[in-house]
Protein backbone atom coordinates (compact mmCIF):
# COMPACT_ATOMS: atom_id res chain seq x y z
CA MET A 1 0.00 0.00 0.00
CA LEU A 2 2.70 2.49 0.98
CA ASP A 3 4.72 1.56 -2.10
CA GLU A 4 1.73 2.36 -4.30
CA ILE A 5 1.15 5.71 -2.59
CA ALA A 6 4.85 6.55 -2.83
CA LYS A 7 4.77 5.71 -6.54
CA ASP A 8 1.72 7.93 -7.04
CA ILE A 9 3.31 10.78 -5.09
CA LEU A 10 6.46 10.57 -7.23
CA ALA A 11 4.31 10.63 -10.36
CA LEU A 12 2.46 13.66 -8.98
CA ARG A 13 5.78 15.38 -8.22
CA SER A 14 6.87 14.74 -11.80
CA ALA A 15 3.63 16.26 -13.13
CA ILE A 16 4.15 19.35 -10.96
CA VAL A 17 7.70 19.75 -12.25
CA GLN A 18 6.34 19.52 -15.82
CA MET A 19 3.80 22.24 -15.03
CA LEU A 20 6.53 24.51 -13.73
CA ASN A 21 8.52 23.94 -16.93
CA TYR A 22 5.55 25.15 -18.98
CA GLU A 23 5.49 28.48 -17.16
CA THR A 24 7.66 30.24 -19.77
CA HIS A 25 5.52 28.84 -22.59
CA LEU A 26 2.40 30.11 -20.89
CA LYS A 27 3.96 33.55 -20.42
CA GLY A 28 4.81 33.69 -24.15
CA TYR A 29 1.28 32.61 -25.08
CA ASN A 30 -0.28 35.26 -22.84
CA GLU A 31 1.95 37.94 -24.35
CA LEU A 32 0.97 36.93 -27.89
CA VAL A 33 -2.77 36.80 -27.32
CA GLY A 34 -2.62 39.96 -25.23
CA GLU A 35 -1.31 42.04 -28.11
CA LYS A 36 -4.29 43.31 -30.04
CA ALA A 37 -2.09 44.35 -32.98
CA ILE A 38 -0.88 40.77 -33.46
CA ILE A 39 -4.36 39.29 -33.26
CA SER A 40 -5.79 41.91 -35.63
CA GLN A 41 -3.02 41.15 -38.15
CA ILE A 42 -3.93 37.46 -38.05
CA HIS A 43 -7.55 38.38 -38.75
CA LEU A 44 -6.43 40.52 -41.70
CA SER A 45 -4.59 37.64 -43.37
CA SER A 46 -7.63 36.36 -45.27
CA PHE A 47 -8.40 39.89 -46.49
CA LEU A 48 -4.79 40.37 -47.63
CA SER A 49 -4.73 36.96 -49.30
CA ALA A 50 -7.91 37.79 -51.20
CA GLY A 51 -6.40 41.11 -52.30
CA ALA A 52 -3.25 39.35 -53.49
CA LYS A 53 -5.39 36.97 -55.56
CA VAL A 54 -7.25 39.92 -57.13
CA ILE A 55 -3.95 41.57 -58.05
CA ASP A 56 -2.38 38.33 -59.30
CA ALA A 57 -5.42 37.52 -61.42
CA GLY A 58 -5.17 40.90 -63.14
CA TYR A 59 -8.56 42.21 -62.01
CA ALA A 60 -7.11 45.52 -60.83
CA ARG A 61 -5.62 48.40 -62.77
CA ASP A 62 -1.84 48.79 -62.54
CA THR A 63 -2.18 52.28 -61.11
CA GLU A 64 -5.03 51.79 -58.66
CA CYS A 65 -5.38 50.00 -55.36
CA PRO A 66 -8.11 47.34 -55.67
CA PHE A 67 -9.02 47.86 -52.01
CA CYS A 68 -9.61 51.60 -51.81
CA LEU A 69 -9.32 52.60 -55.50
CA SER A 70 -6.73 55.27 -54.70
CA PRO A 71 -3.72 55.76 -56.96
CA HIS A 72 -1.07 53.17 -56.14
CA ASP A 73 1.65 51.16 -57.88
CA LEU A 74 0.30 47.60 -57.91
CA ARG A 75 3.73 45.97 -57.95
CA LYS A 76 4.68 47.88 -54.83
CA LEU A 77 1.31 47.10 -53.23
CA ARG A 78 1.67 43.38 -54.06
CA SER A 79 5.15 43.41 -52.50
CA GLU A 80 3.81 45.10 -49.36
CA ILE A 81 1.00 42.54 -49.12
CA ALA A 82 3.51 39.69 -49.47
CA GLU A 83 5.65 41.14 -46.67
CA ARG A 84 2.66 41.49 -44.36
CA LEU A 85 1.46 37.97 -45.12
CA LYS A 86 4.94 36.62 -44.38
CA ALA A 87 5.00 38.45 -41.04
CA ILE A 88 1.51 37.19 -40.22
CA THR A 89 2.53 33.63 -41.06
CA HIS A 90 5.49 33.96 -38.69
CA VAL A 91 3.29 35.28 -35.87
CA ASN A 92 0.66 32.64 -36.56
CA THR A 93 3.31 29.90 -36.32
CA ARG A 94 4.48 31.33 -32.99
CA LEU A 95 0.89 31.40 -31.75
CA GLU A 96 0.24 27.81 -32.87
CA THR A 97 3.41 26.64 -31.12
CA ALA A 98 2.47 28.50 -27.95
CA SER A 99 -1.08 27.10 -28.14
CA ALA A 100 0.27 23.57 -28.42
CA SER A 101 2.31 24.16 -25.26
CA VAL A 102 -0.79 25.39 -23.46
CA GLN A 103 -2.66 22.26 -24.56
CA GLU A 104 0.19 20.12 -23.22
CA LEU A 105 0.03 22.06 -19.94
CA ILE A 106 -3.71 21.43 -19.69
CA ALA A 107 -3.12 17.71 -20.28
CA THR A 108 -0.49 17.74 -17.51
CA PHE A 109 -2.99 19.45 -15.16
CA MET A 110 -5.54 16.76 -15.97
CA ASP A 111 -2.96 14.03 -15.27
CA ALA A 112 -2.10 15.66 -11.93
CA LYS A 113 -5.79 15.88 -11.08
CA ALA A 114 -6.23 12.18 -11.84
CA LEU A 115 -3.20 11.34 -9.67
CA CYS A 116 -4.61 13.41 -6.80
CA ALA A 117 -7.93 11.61 -7.10
CA LYS A 118 -6.14 8.24 -7.13
CA ILE A 119 -4.19 9.11 -3.98
CA TYR A 120 -7.33 10.43 -2.29
CA ASP A 121 -9.25 7.25 -3.16
CA ARG A 122 -6.50 5.07 -1.68
CA TYR A 123 -6.53 7.02 1.56
CA ASP A 124 -10.32 7.03 1.62
CA LYS A 125 -10.51 3.22 1.12
CA GLN A 126 -8.07 2.67 3.99
CA GLY A 127 -10.18 4.71 6.38
CA ILE A 128 -7.25 6.96 7.22
CA PRO A 129 -8.60 9.92 9.19
CA ARG A 130 -8.36 13.28 7.47
CA SER A 131 -7.00 16.24 9.32
CA SER A 132 -9.25 19.25 9.51
CA PRO A 133 -8.12 22.56 8.01
């Protein structure tokens, strides 16, 4: 019985250490999602992609922005769109990586919760008195 509890406690300790290791990932995730400019750029990516397709398909005049119809060099505009899409892709990749780390952290929390429940059940089945808070 004590060997089983000791094994469970060591497993719980390992899960807690894993959670502490995810702290930096969680901080990075919170910083990314907390920046409105980053999130708004991600939302703009489909708009920019659609604009790039319009330009590439030749539906716009060479001297006019297809978005606002103001005078603009389309080659320069297409280049600017490509740069923004590249930056958005980079940020999106960072966000996806950070999100994966958060998902792993949640899984580790769930494992720790299950271990706590297992330990509690073992104590409860043995009739070991609980101390009051």
